Protein backbone atom coordinates (compact mmCIF):
# COMPACT_ATOMS: atom_id res chain seq x y z
CA MET A 1 -0.27 0.07 0.20
CA SER A 2 1.22 3.19 -1.13
CA SER A 3 1.08 6.69 1.55
CA PHE A 4 2.81 9.93 2.26
CA VAL A 5 6.00 7.59 4.17
CA GLN A 6 8.07 6.17 2.15
CA ASN A 7 10.99 3.92 3.33
CA SER A 8 13.01 2.13 0.37
CA GLN A 9 13.49 -0.94 3.86
CA GLU A 10 11.00 -1.50 6.32
CA CYS A 11 11.94 -0.03 9.11
CA ASP A 12 11.03 -0.08 13.40
CA THR A 13 8.45 3.01 14.20
CA LYS A 14 8.60 2.33 17.73
CA GLY A 15 4.86 1.09 17.62
CA GLY A 16 4.97 -0.47 14.49
CA LEU A 17 6.41 -1.76 10.47
CA LEU A 18 6.37 1.37 7.90
CA SER A 19 4.76 0.81 4.90
CA THR A 20 7.45 0.55 1.98
CA LYS A 21 5.70 3.02 -0.07
CA SER A 22 4.42 6.13 1.95
CA ILE A 23 3.04 9.93 1.24
CA ALA A 24 5.33 10.86 5.22
CA ALA A 25 9.14 10.50 3.33
CA VAL A 26 8.72 10.97 -0.73
CA GLU A 27 11.36 12.36 -1.54
CA CYS A 28 14.33 10.97 0.20
CA CYS A 29 13.14 7.54 -0.69
CA GLU A 30 13.00 4.59 -3.56
CA GLY A 31 9.83 2.98 -3.19
CA TYR A 32 8.23 4.93 -5.71
CA ALA A 33 10.94 3.93 -8.45
CA ASN A 34 8.84 0.64 -8.40
CA GLU A 35 6.11 -0.29 -10.65
CA LEU A 36 2.71 1.17 -9.65
CA GLN A 37 0.64 -1.65 -8.12
CA TYR A 38 -3.06 -2.40 -7.39
CA GLY A 39 -3.85 -0.58 -4.12
CA ASP A 40 -1.24 2.23 -4.69
CA LEU A 41 -1.86 5.89 -3.68
CA VAL A 42 -1.35 8.39 -6.66
CA MET A 43 -2.16 12.06 -7.66
CA ILE A 44 -3.12 12.18 -10.96
CA TYR A 45 -1.25 16.33 -11.94
CA LEU A 46 -4.16 18.64 -15.03
CA ASN A 47 -2.32 21.57 -13.45
CA PRO A 48 -2.33 23.04 -10.03
CA ASN A 49 -5.73 24.01 -10.86
CA ASP A 50 -6.31 20.29 -11.03
CA ILE A 51 -4.37 17.98 -9.40
CA ARG A 52 -6.61 14.37 -7.82
CA HIS A 53 -5.89 11.77 -5.74
CA VAL A 54 -6.77 8.35 -7.04
CA TYR A 55 -5.92 4.96 -5.24
CA LEU A 56 -5.36 1.77 -8.55
CA GLU A 57 -8.11 -0.32 -8.20
CA PRO A 58 -9.55 -3.19 -10.76
CA GLY A 59 -11.79 -1.39 -13.13
CA GLY A 60 -10.93 1.84 -11.91
CA ILE A 61 -11.52 4.46 -14.64
CA ILE A 62 -10.28 7.86 -14.53
CA GLU A 63 -12.59 10.49 -16.08
CA ASN A 64 -11.45 14.52 -17.23
CA LYS A 65 -11.94 16.82 -20.07
CA TYR A 66 -10.09 14.94 -22.49
CA GLY A 67 -11.38 11.68 -22.20
CA LYS A 68 -10.61 8.10 -20.27
CA PHE A 69 -8.51 6.43 -18.34
CA GLU A 70 -8.28 3.47 -16.96
CA HIS A 71 -6.63 2.44 -14.26
CA SER A 72 -4.89 -0.71 -15.88
CA ASP A 73 -3.05 1.63 -17.88
CA ILE A 74 -1.15 2.49 -14.86
CA VAL A 75 -0.08 0.10 -13.16
CA GLY A 76 3.04 -1.34 -14.36
CA LYS A 77 4.62 2.02 -14.79
CA VAL A 78 6.88 4.24 -12.68
CA ALA A 79 5.42 7.36 -10.80
CA GLY A 80 6.45 10.68 -13.50
CA ARG A 81 5.45 9.43 -16.17
CA GLU A 82 2.56 10.74 -19.00
CA ILE A 83 -0.50 8.35 -19.83
CA ARG A 84 -1.43 9.22 -23.17
CA GLN A 85 -4.92 8.18 -24.43
CA GLY A 86 -5.91 9.98 -28.31
CA LYS A 87 -5.06 13.62 -27.84
CA GLY A 88 -5.18 13.61 -24.58
CA TRP A 89 -2.29 13.47 -21.33
CA ILE A 90 -3.02 12.77 -17.43
CA SER A 91 0.70 13.17 -15.38
CA VAL A 92 0.10 10.21 -13.02
CA LEU A 93 3.36 11.48 -9.64
CA ALA A 94 4.16 10.18 -6.39
CA PRO A 95 1.99 11.43 -3.65
CA SER A 96 3.71 14.63 -1.21
CA ALA A 97 2.44 16.26 1.17
CA GLU A 98 2.18 18.48 -0.69
CA LEU A 99 0.01 17.00 -3.81
CA TRP A 100 -2.72 15.34 -1.12
CA SER A 101 -3.87 19.18 0.59
CA ALA A 102 -3.72 20.44 -2.83
CA SER A 103 -6.02 17.08 -3.81
CA LEU A 104 -7.93 16.41 -0.19
CA ARG A 105 -11.45 16.95 0.73
CA HIS A 106 -11.47 20.12 3.73
CA ARG A 107 -13.05 19.08 6.13
CA THR A 108 -12.29 22.17 7.69
CA GLN A 109 -9.95 25.06 6.54
CA ILE A 110 -6.50 23.50 5.91
CA VAL A 111 -3.20 24.77 6.42
CA GLN A 112 -2.05 26.44 3.23
CA PRO A 113 1.49 24.90 1.91
CA GLN A 114 3.04 28.23 2.52
CA ASP A 115 2.48 28.37 6.59
CA CYS A 116 2.51 24.38 6.43
CA ALA A 117 6.44 25.18 5.83
CA ILE A 118 7.24 28.18 7.89
CA ILE A 119 5.70 26.24 11.17
CA THR A 120 7.80 22.89 9.88
CA PHE A 121 11.55 24.80 10.31
CA GLU A 122 10.45 26.82 12.99
CA LEU A 123 9.86 24.03 16.03
CA GLY A 124 12.83 22.33 13.77
CA LEU A 125 11.23 19.11 13.27
CA LYS A 126 13.31 16.43 12.41
CA CYS A 127 13.32 12.13 12.80
CA GLY A 128 12.71 10.94 15.81
CA ASP A 129 10.65 13.69 17.13
CA ILE A 130 7.43 12.90 18.92
CA VAL A 131 4.58 15.88 18.39
CA ILE A 132 1.33 17.30 19.44
CA GLU A 133 -1.03 19.15 17.49
CA ALA A 134 -4.29 19.89 18.63
CA GLY A 135 -6.82 20.47 15.50
CA THR A 136 -6.35 17.51 13.39
CA GLY A 137 -8.90 19.37 11.17
CA SER A 138 -8.92 17.70 7.34
CA GLY A 139 -5.61 16.21 7.98
CA ALA A 140 -3.23 18.31 5.60
CA MET A 141 -1.29 19.62 8.41
CA THR A 142 -1.25 16.22 10.03
CA SER A 143 0.63 14.71 7.21
CA ALA A 144 3.29 17.41 6.43
CA ILE A 145 4.17 16.66 10.20
CA ALA A 146 4.84 13.12 9.22
CA ARG A 147 7.16 13.22 6.64
CA ALA A 148 9.10 15.49 8.88
CA VAL A 149 8.81 13.16 12.17
CA ALA A 150 9.83 10.13 9.93
CA PRO A 151 10.81 7.11 10.04
CA HIS A 152 10.88 6.81 13.77
CA GLY A 153 8.65 9.87 14.54
CA ILE A 154 5.43 10.17 16.40
CA VAL A 155 2.43 12.85 16.10
CA HIS A 156 -0.01 12.35 18.65
CA SER A 157 -3.37 14.44 16.79
CA PHE A 158 -6.32 15.71 18.91
CA GLU A 159 -9.57 16.88 17.05
CA PHE A 160 -12.81 17.18 19.22
CA ASN A 161 -15.16 16.26 16.24
CA LYS A 162 -16.11 12.97 16.19
CA SER A 163 -17.07 12.86 12.76
CA ARG A 164 -13.92 14.18 11.33
CA VAL A 165 -11.59 12.16 13.83
CA ASP A 166 -13.30 8.81 12.50
CA THR A 167 -12.41 10.27 8.72
CA ALA A 168 -8.85 11.51 9.53
CA ILE A 169 -7.78 8.35 10.94
CA ASP A 170 -9.41 6.05 7.63
CA GLU A 171 -7.43 8.37 5.01
CA PHE A 172 -4.28 7.77 7.37
CA GLU A 173 -4.22 4.29 7.20
CA ALA A 174 -5.54 4.46 3.81
CA ASN A 175 -2.50 6.52 3.69
CA SER A 176 0.17 3.89 5.12
CA LEU A 177 0.36 6.48 7.69
CA HIS A 178 -1.32 5.05 11.41
CA ASN A 179 1.82 3.65 12.67
CA ILE A 180 3.25 7.55 12.71
CA VAL A 181 -0.26 9.59 12.85
CA ARG A 182 -3.00 8.66 16.26
CA VAL A 183 -5.61 9.85 15.66
CA GLU A 184 -7.45 10.85 19.58
CA HIS A 185 -11.15 12.01 19.83
CA ARG A 186 -10.37 14.66 22.90
CA ASP A 187 -11.46 18.46 23.76
CA VAL A 188 -7.84 19.92 24.55
CA CYS A 189 -9.10 22.82 25.68
CA GLN A 190 -11.60 21.73 28.53
CA ASP A 191 -9.91 18.09 29.10
CA GLY A 192 -5.61 18.87 28.29
CA PHE A 193 -3.57 16.17 27.15
CA PRO A 194 -2.67 12.82 28.16
CA SER A 195 -0.79 13.32 30.74
CA ASN A 196 1.29 10.14 30.35
CA LEU A 197 2.77 12.33 27.23
CA LYS A 198 6.35 14.44 26.07
CA CYS A 199 6.94 15.67 23.36
CA ASP A 200 9.66 17.64 22.00
CA ALA A 201 7.40 20.64 19.69
CA LEU A 202 4.21 20.91 19.87
CA PHE A 203 1.33 23.06 17.60
CA LEU A 204 -2.27 24.07 17.65
CA ASP A 205 -5.16 25.24 15.15
CA VAL A 206 -7.67 25.90 18.02
CA PRO A 207 -9.64 28.60 18.33
CA GLU A 208 -9.11 29.15 21.22
CA PRO A 209 -6.10 28.13 21.48
CA TRP A 210 -5.10 29.83 24.94
CA HIS A 211 -6.86 27.63 26.79
CA ALA A 212 -4.60 24.82 26.48
CA LEU A 213 -2.14 26.59 26.81
CA PRO A 214 -1.60 25.39 30.82
CA HIS A 215 -2.24 22.02 29.48
CA ALA A 216 0.45 21.71 27.12
CA VAL A 217 3.59 23.82 29.21
CA LYS A 218 2.88 20.45 31.34
CA VAL A 219 3.53 18.19 27.56
CA LEU A 220 5.84 19.42 26.21
CA LYS A 221 10.20 19.44 26.84
CA PRO A 222 12.35 22.09 28.35
CA GLY A 223 13.81 23.86 25.23
CA GLY A 224 10.84 22.72 23.64
CA SER A 225 9.07 24.55 20.40
CA PHE A 226 5.69 25.61 20.72
CA ALA A 227 3.47 26.90 17.51
CA SER A 228 -0.01 28.41 16.85
CA TYR A 229 -1.99 29.79 14.50
CA SER A 230 -4.44 31.72 14.31
CA PRO A 231 -6.35 34.15 11.75
CA CYS A 232 -7.69 36.87 13.81
CA LEU A 233 -5.02 39.17 14.95
CA GLU A 234 -7.42 39.33 18.47
CA GLN A 235 -6.81 35.27 19.11
CA VAL A 236 -2.75 36.41 18.80
CA GLN A 237 -3.38 38.38 21.76
CA ARG A 238 -4.17 35.78 23.76
CA VAL A 239 -1.85 33.95 23.39
CA CYS A 240 0.75 36.58 23.22
CA ALA A 241 -0.34 36.65 26.89
CA ALA A 242 -0.47 34.07 28.13
CA LEU A 243 2.51 32.67 27.04
CA SER A 244 4.01 35.14 28.28
CA GLN A 245 2.74 35.06 31.01
CA LEU A 246 3.49 31.00 31.65
CA GLY A 247 7.31 32.41 30.66
CA ALA A 248 7.88 31.33 27.36
CA ILE A 249 10.40 33.09 25.62
CA ASP A 250 11.58 33.88 21.98
CA ILE A 251 7.29 34.69 21.29
CA ARG A 252 7.21 35.78 17.50
CA THR A 253 4.46 36.42 15.63
CA VAL A 254 4.31 35.79 11.54
CA GLU A 255 2.19 36.31 8.98
CA ALA A 256 2.98 34.90 5.18
CA ARG A 257 1.57 36.44 1.63
CA GLN A 258 2.40 33.46 -1.77
CA ARG A 259 2.71 35.62 -4.66
CA ASP A 260 3.22 33.74 -7.58
CA PHE A 261 4.09 35.25 -11.56
CA GLU A 262 3.63 33.63 -14.97
CA LEU A 263 6.13 33.10 -17.62
CA ARG A 264 3.86 34.15 -21.37
CA THR A 265 4.99 35.39 -25.13
CA ARG A 266 3.88 38.25 -26.35
CA SER A 267 3.86 39.89 -29.36
CA PHE A 268 5.22 43.53 -30.45
CA PRO A 269 4.31 45.46 -33.31
CA SER A 270 7.76 46.75 -34.54
CA PHE A 271 7.32 50.45 -35.24
CA CYS A 272 10.85 51.07 -37.15
CA GLY A 273 11.25 47.37 -38.22
CA VAL A 274 12.53 44.01 -36.97
CA PRO A 275 15.05 45.23 -34.00
CA SER A 276 18.55 44.05 -34.32
CA GLU A 277 20.51 41.87 -31.76
CA SER A 278 21.76 44.99 -30.58
CA GLU A 279 18.64 46.71 -28.99
CA TYR A 280 17.00 43.10 -27.33
CA SER A 281 19.82 41.14 -27.18
CA TYR A 282 17.69 39.18 -24.94
CA MET A 283 15.03 38.43 -27.48
CA LYS A 284 16.39 34.97 -28.91
CA GLU A 285 17.72 34.51 -32.42
CA GLU A 286 15.03 31.93 -33.72
CA GLU A 287 11.84 33.64 -32.83
CA GLU A 288 13.60 36.96 -35.03
CA GLU A 289 13.85 35.16 -37.77
CA GLN A 290 11.09 32.91 -38.08
CA SER A 291 9.61 36.29 -37.50
CA LEU A 292 11.83 38.02 -41.06
CA GLU A 293 10.06 35.08 -42.81
CA ASN A 294 6.88 35.08 -42.32
CA GLY A 295 7.39 38.65 -43.37
CA LYS A 296 5.61 39.92 -39.90
CA ASN A 297 7.27 42.95 -38.49
CA SER A 298 7.47 41.68 -34.84
CA SER A 299 9.03 40.60 -32.38
CA SER A 300 8.61 37.99 -29.47
CA PHE A 301 9.63 38.65 -25.54
CA THR A 302 8.94 36.81 -22.57
CA CYS A 303 7.30 38.78 -20.05
CA VAL A 304 6.55 37.84 -16.56
CA LYS A 305 4.18 38.91 -14.19
CA PRO A 306 1.70 38.60 -10.69
CA VAL A 307 -0.55 36.79 -11.43
CA SER A 308 -3.77 39.06 -11.84
CA SER A 309 -5.10 36.91 -8.07
CA MET A 310 -4.33 35.70 -5.74
CA ARG A 311 -4.35 34.21 -1.99
CA GLY A 312 -4.66 36.49 0.50
CA HIS A 313 -4.47 36.67 4.67
CA THR A 314 -4.03 33.05 5.77
CA ALA A 315 -3.52 33.33 8.89
CA PHE A 316 -0.56 34.93 11.65
CA LEU A 317 1.75 32.13 12.95
CA THR A 318 3.25 31.99 16.23
CA PHE A 319 5.85 30.51 18.09
CA ALA A 320 7.77 30.12 21.11
CA ILE A 321 10.10 28.70 23.10
CA MET A 322 9.37 26.59 26.78
CA PRO A 323 11.68 27.54 28.78
CA ARG A 324 12.95 25.09 31.72
CA LYS A 325 11.67 26.44 34.14
CA MET A 326 7.62 26.94 33.49
CA ILE A 327 5.30 29.79 35.78
CA LEU A 328 2.40 26.94 36.42
CA SER A 329 1.80 28.90 39.59
CA ALA A 330 -0.57 32.40 38.10
CA PRO A 331 -3.81 32.22 37.48
CA LEU A 332 -3.43 32.50 34.10
CA ILE A 333 -4.55 37.08 33.02
CA TYR A 334 -7.34 35.26 31.20
CA ASP A 335 -9.50 33.80 33.31
CA ASP A 336 -10.21 36.99 34.74
CA GLU A 337 -9.84 40.02 32.22
CA ILE A 338 -9.52 38.67 29.40
CA LYS A 339 -13.23 35.94 30.32
CA GLN A 340 -14.25 40.39 31.11
CA ASN A 341 -13.41 41.26 27.79
CA ASP A 342 -15.57 38.53 26.52
CA GLU A 343 -18.04 39.25 27.83
CA ASP A 344 -17.92 43.33 26.88
CA HIS A 345 -17.50 42.24 22.67
CA HIS A 346 -20.51 40.16 23.28
CA ASP A 347 -22.71 42.48 24.72
CA ILE A 348 -21.14 45.30 22.66
CA TYR A 349 -22.34 42.71 19.23
CA THR A 350 -25.17 42.09 20.10
CA ASN A 351 -25.92 46.33 20.84
CA ASN A 352 -25.45 46.70 17.29
CA LYS A 353 -27.35 43.62 15.92
CA LYS A 354 -30.29 44.75 18.08
CA GLN A 355 -30.35 48.53 16.21
CA LYS A 356 -29.46 47.39 12.81
CA ILE A 357 -32.95 45.87 12.89
CA ARG A 358 -34.25 49.12 13.96
CA ASP A 359 -32.96 50.08 11.42
């Protein structure tokens, strides 16, 4: 069975054996250098906006605008090949955390690739680490963490929604991540983390992460790394205040914006004849010769421009390091002041809503 965590050999993962093909470490292994078989997970790529994942099965068919492609045409091939049929084609790629996040069905808002890369780097994840994640959601970030700590690490992921837990367990099982990722139904903000856990890094993606912080410091090893994913700036303020009171150091918040550029070849009219090489040294010689042969009084250039539409704000990422001595005896500031602020904001929202209804 193929998945995100690939290894050329099966190896011990502190709780089981790792599949010879999996999603977590495609880049560093040779599992997908072999011929694809039924049951393997592959990524079907048409363009950056059309990526889907498929589990190869007998009698299976992939349909797109180019026609129908049978799974039997893919079996026996090596990942990275194009499968052509008539005038149509598809690219069959080995799975990765990035391609999986682009193809999975979103049950919740997922951590975008640009944020995922920063979180993984700032947490300092490496093979063998034990990581706790609160907020499994659609499992995109979980898969990325699993790839970083594979094959000897463990990811303990907690989710308060039972249906999302069941779906995530099934997906991790299908992707052969079940020996690395352990999903549990638990509200960590209210119930905390299991007392027997200790982790090297901890990641929170929950609506009110400040409520989970007193529990987080109990399971995070001294000097461990902490990260929080918060869409709103008000969440960041409360998280930073709680971290500061708990004695965390190197508290930082960043925001990642991704801006894509596109390359296009454009033809522009030459009002003074075909331009010389001295005037346009970057013009391709073959394009100039072709222009002369066709009698066209124009020049072709490769232009670079930003994509007209781009993804805006995704989230604020807060990072911190937990020192050896934590301040756990003092009550957190949000127990009183933030609770009062919540009540004040609720009153203001209610009054504004009533005013709009009257108007």
